[in-house]
Protein backbone atom coordinates (compact mmCIF):
# COMPACT_ATOMS: atom_id res chain seq x y z
CA MET A 1 79.40 129.01 153.01
CA ARG A 2 80.08 130.68 149.68
CA ASN A 3 83.69 132.03 149.57
CA TYR A 4 84.27 128.78 151.67
CA ARG A 5 83.60 126.79 149.21
CA PHE A 6 85.92 129.33 146.36
CA TYR A 7 88.89 129.24 148.72
CA MET A 8 88.26 125.39 149.37
CA LEU A 9 88.85 125.05 146.07
CA CYS A 10 91.11 127.76 145.22
CA LEU A 11 93.66 125.67 147.80
CA LEU A 12 93.20 121.80 146.40
CA VAL A 13 93.77 123.57 142.76
CA GLY A 14 96.69 125.80 144.64
CA ILE A 15 98.14 121.48 146.12
CA PHE A 16 97.49 120.28 142.58
CA PHE A 17 100.11 121.96 140.94
CA CYS A 18 102.78 122.54 143.05
CA GLY A 19 102.46 119.01 143.71
CA CYS A 20 103.26 118.53 139.70
CA LYS A 21 106.62 117.94 138.87
CA GLU A 22 108.13 118.10 135.58
CA ASN A 23 108.77 113.95 134.84
CA LYS A 24 112.33 113.53 133.46
CA LYS A 25 113.19 110.35 131.15
CA VAL A 26 115.96 109.16 131.49
CA ASP A 27 116.77 106.84 128.21
CA GLU A 28 118.73 103.78 127.84
CA LYS A 29 122.30 105.51 126.81
CA SER A 30 121.90 108.27 129.53
CA ARG A 31 121.77 104.99 131.92
CA GLN A 32 125.06 103.36 130.48
CA ASP A 33 126.69 107.14 130.60
CA VAL A 34 127.14 106.88 134.75
CA VAL A 35 130.09 107.38 136.18
CA PHE A 36 131.22 104.78 138.11
CA ASP A 37 133.61 105.52 141.30
CA ILE A 38 135.31 102.03 142.13
CA VAL A 39 139.01 102.15 141.24
CA GLU A 40 139.35 99.44 139.07
CA ASN A 41 142.89 98.34 140.59
CA ASP A 42 141.21 96.90 143.48
CA VAL A 43 142.08 93.53 143.56
CA ASP A 44 139.27 91.59 144.91
CA GLU A 45 140.67 88.43 147.08
CA THR A 46 137.20 86.26 147.56
CA ILE A 47 136.85 82.63 146.91
CA TYR A 48 133.87 82.26 144.33
CA GLY A 49 132.58 79.09 144.74
CA ARG A 50 129.89 76.67 145.26
CA CYS A 51 128.56 74.90 148.39
CA GLY A 52 129.54 71.40 149.10
CA GLU A 53 127.85 68.48 150.49
CA GLY A 54 130.18 68.21 153.20
CA THR A 55 129.57 71.54 155.05
CA ALA A 56 128.06 71.30 158.36
CA MET A 57 128.09 73.47 161.31
CA HIS A 58 131.31 74.70 162.05
CA THR A 59 133.27 73.79 158.82
CA LEU A 60 132.20 74.76 154.98
CA GLU A 61 132.89 72.71 152.08
CA LEU A 62 133.64 75.39 148.70
CA ILE A 63 133.80 74.02 145.32
CA THR A 64 135.39 76.99 143.93
CA ASP A 65 134.83 78.25 140.22
CA ASN A 66 137.82 76.83 139.27
CA GLY A 67 136.75 73.20 140.21
CA ASP A 68 138.80 73.70 143.41
CA THR A 69 137.14 71.89 146.81
CA LEU A 70 138.85 73.68 149.80
CA ALA A 71 137.66 73.31 153.86
CA PHE A 72 137.12 76.13 155.63
CA SER A 73 136.53 76.29 160.07
CA ILE A 74 133.30 78.44 160.97
CA ASN A 75 134.35 78.89 164.00
CA ASN A 76 131.59 80.32 166.60
CA ASP A 77 133.32 83.53 166.02
CA SER A 78 132.95 83.59 162.60
CA ILE A 79 129.29 81.83 162.64
CA SER A 80 128.01 85.52 162.65
CA ASN A 81 129.82 86.16 159.54
CA VAL A 82 127.56 84.04 157.62
CA LYS A 83 125.38 86.62 155.49
CA GLY A 84 122.02 84.20 154.14
CA GLY A 85 122.49 81.27 155.00
CA LEU A 86 124.21 77.99 153.87
CA GLY A 87 122.97 75.88 151.47
CA ILE A 88 124.51 72.95 149.77
CA GLY A 89 125.06 74.17 145.76
CA ASP A 90 124.08 78.09 146.86
CA ARG A 91 126.87 80.01 145.25
CA LEU A 92 128.57 81.69 148.06
CA ALA A 93 131.02 84.41 148.14
CA VAL A 94 134.19 83.79 151.54
CA MET A 95 137.00 85.93 152.63
CA VAL A 96 139.87 84.43 154.59
CA ASP A 97 140.64 84.87 157.75
CA GLY A 98 144.07 83.41 158.33
CA SER A 99 144.63 80.21 159.47
CA VAL A 100 142.90 78.73 163.33
CA LYS A 101 145.76 77.38 165.16
CA ASP A 102 146.70 74.07 165.91
CA THR A 103 145.09 73.10 162.21
CA ASP A 104 145.71 73.76 158.56
CA ILE A 105 142.38 74.78 157.74
CA PRO A 106 141.98 78.37 157.37
CA CYS A 107 139.05 80.08 158.13
CA ALA A 108 136.22 82.23 156.86
CA ALA A 109 136.28 85.54 157.74
CA GLU A 110 133.05 85.62 155.77
CA VAL A 111 130.94 83.85 153.92
CA ILE A 112 127.99 86.04 151.66
CA ASN A 113 125.83 83.83 149.83
CA LEU A 114 124.52 84.98 146.43
CA THR A 115 122.23 83.34 145.66
CA THR A 116 120.02 84.59 148.53
CA LEU A 117 121.72 88.32 147.27
CA ILE A 118 119.96 87.46 144.52
CA GLY A 119 116.46 88.75 143.74
CA LYS A 120 113.99 91.90 144.21
CA TRP A 121 114.37 94.59 147.20
CA ILE A 122 112.70 97.15 148.26
CA SER A 123 112.61 100.03 149.97
CA LEU A 124 111.08 103.23 150.87
CA ASP A 125 112.93 105.62 148.85
CA LYS A 126 114.44 102.26 146.06
CA SER A 127 113.66 99.54 144.70
CA PHE A 128 116.42 96.89 142.62
CA GLU A 129 117.11 93.90 141.29
CA LEU A 130 119.93 91.61 141.74
CA GLN A 131 120.42 89.30 138.51
CA GLU A 132 123.76 87.11 137.83
CA GLY A 133 126.42 88.55 136.21
CA GLY A 134 126.38 91.62 138.47
CA VAL A 135 123.36 93.29 136.30
CA ILE A 136 121.03 95.47 137.90
CA ILE A 137 117.46 96.76 137.15
CA SER A 138 116.13 99.64 139.16
CA ASN A 139 113.74 102.12 138.44
CA ILE A 140 114.93 104.07 136.10
CA LYS A 141 113.13 107.20 137.13
CA GLU A 142 115.64 107.55 140.33
CA PRO A 143 117.62 110.10 140.95
CA LYS A 144 120.78 107.63 140.74
CA PRO A 145 119.84 104.24 139.72
CA TYR A 146 121.70 100.67 141.16
CA VAL A 147 122.69 99.12 136.99
CA GLU A 148 125.80 96.58 138.30
CA TRP A 149 126.89 95.59 141.37
CA LYS A 150 129.75 92.92 142.26
CA ILE A 151 131.40 91.69 145.34
CA LEU A 152 134.97 93.41 146.63
CA ASN A 153 136.74 92.12 149.37
CA GLY A 154 133.39 91.60 151.46
CA GLN A 155 131.47 94.26 150.70
CA LEU A 156 129.01 94.66 147.61
CA VAL A 157 129.26 97.25 145.57
CA LEU A 158 125.86 98.93 144.19
CA SER A 159 127.35 101.29 140.99
CA ALA A 160 129.06 103.93 143.16
CA ASP A 161 128.55 103.35 146.47
CA THR A 162 129.68 100.70 148.19
CA PHE A 163 128.00 98.50 151.86
CA ASN A 164 128.90 95.89 154.30
CA ILE A 165 126.12 93.52 154.52
CA TYR A 166 124.77 94.17 158.21
CA GLU A 167 122.91 91.05 157.54
CA LEU A 168 120.97 89.07 154.49
CA GLY A 169 117.68 86.67 154.92
CA ALA A 170 115.70 85.18 153.64
CA ASP A 171 113.34 88.20 152.79
CA SER A 172 115.24 91.17 154.66
CA LEU A 173 118.77 92.96 153.44
CA LEU A 174 120.77 95.64 155.80
CA LEU A 175 123.07 97.40 154.03
CA GLU A 176 125.54 99.55 155.79
CA ASN A 177 128.28 102.90 154.58
CA ASP A 178 128.76 105.74 156.42
CA ARG A 179 126.08 107.14 156.44
CA GLY A 180 124.11 105.15 157.93
CA ILE A 181 122.29 101.29 157.98
CA TYR A 182 119.93 100.86 155.22
CA ALA A 183 116.73 98.50 154.78
CA TYR A 184 115.00 96.36 152.07
CA LYS A 185 112.73 93.66 151.98
CA ARG A 186 112.86 91.38 149.49
CA LEU A 187 109.60 91.62 146.94
CA ARG A 188 108.59 87.87 145.60
């Protein structure tokens, strides 16, 4: 019985020391020195603005950042491409896909509700907060913390990683890239 206790104590001490890791501190300067792999010459064809009161089931009224009012068609094929829903006054990013047959109204190929996207998101291995102006607050203890974000041609760019927004809801975010689909839950 005495040997059993001794072996268990040694096992627990061994597990304790194996589990300890050296925590590397990341200061603010090294966080700013992260090299981004984003090509600055990419032309963003996304149109930004606010959802207008003329928005209905199959039409989107967008009041652009320049103050122009634009109308877009949302046909049955592209309703699933509205990420995050449409609410009057919400900030939106719209990608255009030519025009609808027999009309002069362009078709919205993809609509991303930036108001829904902004907030705190958590997964099994990442935690970050998307803020206005492209700023991300994240856990700096992560190996590669996200520090900035933007929408570029309908895709979400988080620091050096580019994702398609697979699904965006009030409390869930699914991001997809060539390595798979990543699920996030909103923190309140």
